Amino acid sequence: MRFNRILLSATLVVVALVIQVSVLARLQLPGAVPDLVLLTVLGLALVYGHVGGALVGFGAGLLCDLAPPADHAAGRYALVLCVIGYLAGLAKPETGRLRSASGPLVVVVGAALGSTLLYAGVGALVGDTAARHVGLGGLLFTAALYDLLLAPFTVPLIIALARRAENDPLGEGSPANKAADVSAGWLSSGTGLRIGNQRGGLRAKAAKARVARAGRIKGVKRL
């Protein structure tokens, strides 16, 4: 991963973890805690792809494992987020543009359910039965609900920041020049804007103007 990706990812993950531990975890909501770190990993994975998503997920999960008040074995959540980040990165659009919000919302719900199940499964392997006592069904429902409600306010912003942190969006051959902003499909769809067609129209008008000017010059010479 490039340095700007590492710096942005580390900053976003740390901010998300601080907000999650100091604010969201103290809301005393029934069931699961809204997982802002998971949403951060999903947003970055939808921009960086499956390899970048796996690396960001592993780093974010390891930070959650080590940060207080973590009470589970180190590496457990790192494994979970590494797998989730890899799978979410596979959903990255080939064109770099999300045409609607339905796709990312499906990714969020699937990640919330998958991370809860995978975390409980890994816990069962190491003898942690806390999820069984709390109720796995309630955890799955509340995790999906909370993350789904929080996603529209976080994931588009994270995607936009990740795209802006890439190379110069106006430069030739840059990712943003080859494809539209990946967050545009979430925030607005069906705008009808065609930047490429507008450039083609301007070029055609300029060519017609040059032909007309050349014709006038030839007419003057003949006179």
Protein backbone atom coordinates (compact mmCIF):
# COMPACT_ATOMS: atom_id res chain seq x y z
CA MET A 1 0.00 0.00 0.00
CA ARG A 2 1.16 3.52 -0.75
CA PHE A 3 2.11 5.87 2.06
CA ASN A 4 -0.93 8.12 1.59
CA ARG A 5 -3.23 5.10 1.84
CA ILE A 6 -1.52 3.88 4.99
CA LEU A 7 -1.66 7.31 6.60
CA LEU A 8 -5.32 7.88 5.75
CA SER A 9 -6.36 4.37 6.77
CA ALA A 10 -4.54 4.59 10.10
CA THR A 11 -6.06 7.98 10.85
CA LEU A 12 -9.61 6.92 10.00
CA VAL A 13 -9.33 3.67 11.96
CA VAL A 14 -7.96 5.40 15.07
CA VAL A 15 -10.68 8.07 14.95
CA ALA A 16 -13.37 5.42 14.44
CA LEU A 17 -12.04 3.33 17.35
CA VAL A 18 -11.93 6.34 19.70
CA ILE A 19 -15.52 7.31 18.82
CA GLN A 20 -16.69 3.72 19.16
CA VAL A 21 -15.10 3.16 22.56
CA SER A 22 -15.76 6.57 24.09
CA VAL A 23 -19.22 7.31 22.64
CA LEU A 24 -21.02 4.41 20.98
CA ALA A 25 -20.08 1.81 23.59
CA ARG A 26 -21.46 4.05 26.37
CA LEU A 27 -24.91 4.47 24.82
CA GLN A 28 -26.03 1.27 26.55
CA LEU A 29 -27.97 0.12 23.47
CA PRO A 30 -29.58 -3.32 23.66
CA GLY A 31 -27.67 -6.07 21.96
CA ALA A 32 -24.57 -5.29 19.94
CA VAL A 33 -22.54 -2.07 19.81
CA PRO A 34 -22.55 -0.08 16.54
CA ASP A 35 -19.30 -1.06 14.85
CA LEU A 36 -17.82 2.11 13.39
CA VAL A 37 -14.46 0.40 12.85
CA LEU A 38 -16.14 -2.22 10.67
CA LEU A 39 -17.83 0.49 8.58
CA THR A 40 -14.47 2.23 8.16
CA VAL A 41 -12.91 -0.97 6.88
CA LEU A 42 -15.81 -1.49 4.47
CA GLY A 43 -15.56 2.03 3.06
CA LEU A 44 -11.82 1.69 2.47
CA ALA A 45 -12.17 -1.80 1.01
CA LEU A 46 -14.70 -0.55 -1.56
CA VAL A 47 -12.00 1.85 -2.81
CA TYR A 48 -8.77 -0.11 -2.32
CA GLY A 49 -10.02 -3.56 -3.36
CA HIS A 50 -9.66 -6.96 -1.74
CA VAL A 51 -5.91 -6.81 -0.99
CA GLY A 52 -6.07 -3.33 0.53
CA GLY A 53 -9.26 -4.24 2.35
CA ALA A 54 -7.63 -7.30 3.91
CA LEU A 55 -4.59 -5.29 5.06
CA VAL A 56 -6.70 -2.47 6.49
CA GLY A 57 -9.01 -4.98 8.16
CA PHE A 58 -6.14 -6.84 9.79
CA GLY A 59 -4.58 -3.64 11.12
CA ALA A 60 -7.90 -2.28 12.36
CA GLY A 61 -8.82 -5.57 14.02
CA LEU A 62 -5.44 -5.87 15.72
CA LEU A 63 -5.80 -2.35 17.07
CA CYS A 64 -9.23 -3.26 18.47
CA ASP A 65 -7.75 -6.39 20.04
CA LEU A 66 -5.08 -4.40 21.85
CA ALA A 67 -7.07 -1.30 22.77
CA PRO A 68 -8.85 -1.29 26.15
CA PRO A 69 -11.37 -2.42 27.23
CA ALA A 70 -10.79 -5.47 25.02
CA ASP A 71 -11.33 -8.69 26.97
CA HIS A 72 -10.64 -11.31 24.29
CA ALA A 73 -7.56 -12.99 22.87
CA ALA A 74 -5.36 -10.75 20.71
CA GLY A 75 -5.71 -11.51 17.02
CA ARG A 76 -9.31 -12.65 17.20
CA TYR A 77 -10.91 -9.53 15.77
CA ALA A 78 -7.92 -9.01 13.47
CA LEU A 79 -8.78 -12.31 11.78
CA VAL A 80 -12.44 -11.36 11.53
CA LEU A 81 -11.85 -7.94 9.96
CA CYS A 82 -9.14 -9.30 7.67
CA VAL A 83 -11.62 -11.76 6.16
CA ILE A 84 -14.42 -9.18 6.04
CA GLY A 85 -12.15 -6.58 4.42
CA TYR A 86 -11.03 -9.07 1.78
CA LEU A 87 -14.59 -10.11 0.92
CA ALA A 88 -15.84 -6.51 0.88
CA GLY A 89 -13.00 -5.54 -1.45
CA LEU A 90 -14.26 -8.10 -3.95
CA ALA A 91 -17.41 -6.00 -4.25
CA LYS A 92 -15.44 -2.99 -5.50
CA PRO A 93 -16.99 -1.86 -8.81
CA GLU A 94 -14.77 -2.40 -11.83
CA THR A 95 -15.61 1.07 -13.14
CA GLY A 96 -15.00 2.67 -9.74
CA ARG A 97 -18.56 4.03 -9.62
CA LEU A 98 -21.38 2.90 -7.35
CA ARG A 99 -24.57 3.44 -9.33
CA SER A 100 -26.92 2.96 -6.38
CA ALA A 101 -26.89 2.58 -2.61
CA SER A 102 -28.37 -0.91 -2.68
CA GLY A 103 -25.04 -2.64 -3.33
CA PRO A 104 -23.14 -1.02 -0.44
CA LEU A 105 -26.09 -1.53 1.89
CA VAL A 106 -26.06 -5.24 1.09
CA VAL A 107 -22.32 -5.26 1.79
CA VAL A 108 -22.89 -3.55 5.15
CA VAL A 109 -25.60 -6.00 6.23
CA GLY A 110 -23.57 -8.99 5.06
CA ALA A 111 -20.47 -7.70 6.84
CA ALA A 112 -22.36 -7.05 10.08
CA LEU A 113 -23.84 -10.55 10.09
CA GLY A 114 -20.66 -12.22 8.87
CA SER A 115 -18.39 -10.49 11.38
CA THR A 116 -20.70 -11.38 14.27
CA LEU A 117 -20.92 -15.02 13.21
CA LEU A 118 -17.20 -15.29 12.54
CA TYR A 119 -16.33 -13.63 15.84
CA ALA A 120 -18.64 -15.99 17.72
CA GLY A 121 -17.28 -18.99 15.80
CA VAL A 122 -13.67 -18.13 16.57
CA GLY A 123 -14.66 -17.55 20.20
CA ALA A 124 -16.26 -20.99 20.36
CA LEU A 125 -13.02 -22.54 19.15
CA VAL A 126 -11.05 -20.90 21.95
CA GLY A 127 -13.68 -21.58 24.62
CA ASP A 128 -15.39 -18.18 24.71
CA THR A 129 -19.16 -18.76 25.05
CA ALA A 130 -20.21 -15.18 25.82
CA ALA A 131 -22.19 -14.88 22.59
CA ARG A 132 -24.18 -17.98 23.52
CA HIS A 133 -25.22 -16.48 26.86
CA VAL A 134 -26.16 -13.10 25.38
CA GLY A 135 -28.13 -14.63 22.52
CA LEU A 136 -26.65 -14.93 19.04
CA GLY A 137 -29.93 -14.10 17.32
CA GLY A 138 -30.29 -10.80 19.15
CA LEU A 139 -26.67 -9.91 18.42
CA LEU A 140 -27.10 -10.58 14.71
CA PHE A 141 -30.26 -8.49 14.46
CA THR A 142 -28.98 -5.52 16.44
CA ALA A 143 -25.55 -5.55 14.76
CA ALA A 144 -27.13 -5.44 11.30
CA LEU A 145 -29.65 -2.79 12.36
CA TYR A 146 -27.18 -0.43 14.03
CA ASP A 147 -24.59 -0.69 11.27
CA LEU A 148 -27.25 -0.20 8.61
CA LEU A 149 -28.50 2.97 10.31
CA LEU A 150 -24.99 4.33 10.78
CA ALA A 151 -23.67 3.43 7.31
CA PRO A 152 -25.25 6.29 5.26
CA PHE A 153 -23.56 8.85 7.51
CA THR A 154 -20.10 7.26 7.51
CA VAL A 155 -19.38 5.06 4.50
CA PRO A 156 -19.90 7.75 1.79
CA LEU A 157 -17.60 10.14 3.67
CA ILE A 158 -14.91 7.49 4.06
CA ILE A 159 -15.14 6.59 0.37
CA ALA A 160 -14.86 10.24 -0.64
CA LEU A 161 -11.81 10.78 1.59
CA ALA A 162 -10.13 7.65 0.27
CA ARG A 163 -10.67 8.71 -3.34
CA ARG A 164 -9.35 12.20 -2.65
CA ALA A 165 -6.24 10.79 -1.01
CA GLU A 166 -5.36 9.05 -4.27
CA ASN A 167 -3.23 10.75 -6.94
CA ASP A 168 -4.20 14.11 -8.45
CA PRO A 169 -7.79 13.62 -9.69
CA LEU A 170 -7.13 15.99 -12.62
CA GLY A 171 -3.92 14.34 -13.72
CA GLU A 172 -3.65 12.21 -16.85
CA GLY A 173 -3.98 8.51 -16.13
CA SER A 174 -5.02 8.98 -12.52
CA PRO A 175 -7.65 6.62 -11.10
CA ALA A 176 -10.15 9.43 -10.68
CA ASN A 177 -9.66 10.48 -14.31
CA LYS A 178 -10.34 6.97 -15.57
CA ALA A 179 -13.48 6.44 -13.49
CA ALA A 180 -15.98 8.63 -11.70
CA ASP A 181 -15.82 9.09 -7.98
CA VAL A 182 -16.86 5.85 -6.30
CA SER A 183 -18.88 7.74 -3.71
CA ALA A 184 -21.03 9.48 -6.31
CA GLY A 185 -23.12 6.37 -6.83
CA TRP A 186 -24.02 6.30 -3.12
CA LEU A 187 -24.77 9.99 -2.71
CA SER A 188 -26.58 10.53 -6.01
CA SER A 189 -27.46 8.34 -8.97
CA GLY A 190 -28.93 9.01 -12.37
CA THR A 191 -27.71 12.59 -12.68
CA GLY A 192 -27.29 12.28 -16.43
CA LEU A 193 -23.88 13.99 -16.42
CA ARG A 194 -21.57 12.85 -19.21
CA ILE A 195 -18.27 14.66 -18.87
CA GLY A 196 -16.67 12.70 -21.70
CA ASN A 197 -19.45 13.67 -24.11
CA GLN A 198 -19.12 17.31 -23.10
CA ARG A 199 -15.40 17.25 -23.90
CA GLY A 200 -16.11 15.63 -27.26
CA GLY A 201 -18.68 18.31 -28.07
CA LEU A 202 -16.25 21.09 -27.22
CA ARG A 203 -13.59 19.55 -29.42
CA ALA A 204 -16.03 19.24 -32.33
CA LYS A 205 -17.08 22.88 -31.96
CA ALA A 206 -13.44 23.98 -31.91
CA ALA A 207 -12.72 21.98 -35.08
CA LYS A 208 -15.71 23.52 -36.89
CA ALA A 209 -14.55 26.99 -35.88
CA ARG A 210 -11.08 26.36 -37.31
CA VAL A 211 -12.55 25.11 -40.60
CA ALA A 212 -14.81 28.15 -40.87
CA ARG A 213 -11.91 30.50 -40.13
CA ALA A 214 -9.76 28.81 -42.76
CA GLY A 215 -12.57 29.17 -45.30
CA ARG A 216 -12.85 32.89 -44.64
CA ILE A 217 -9.09 33.35 -45.06
CA LYS A 218 -9.12 31.53 -48.40
CA GLY A 219 -12.04 33.68 -49.58
CA VAL A 220 -10.12 36.85 -48.78
CA LYS A 221 -7.06 35.65 -50.71
CA ARG A 222 -9.15 34.85 -53.79
CA LEU A 223 -10.56 38.38 -53.80
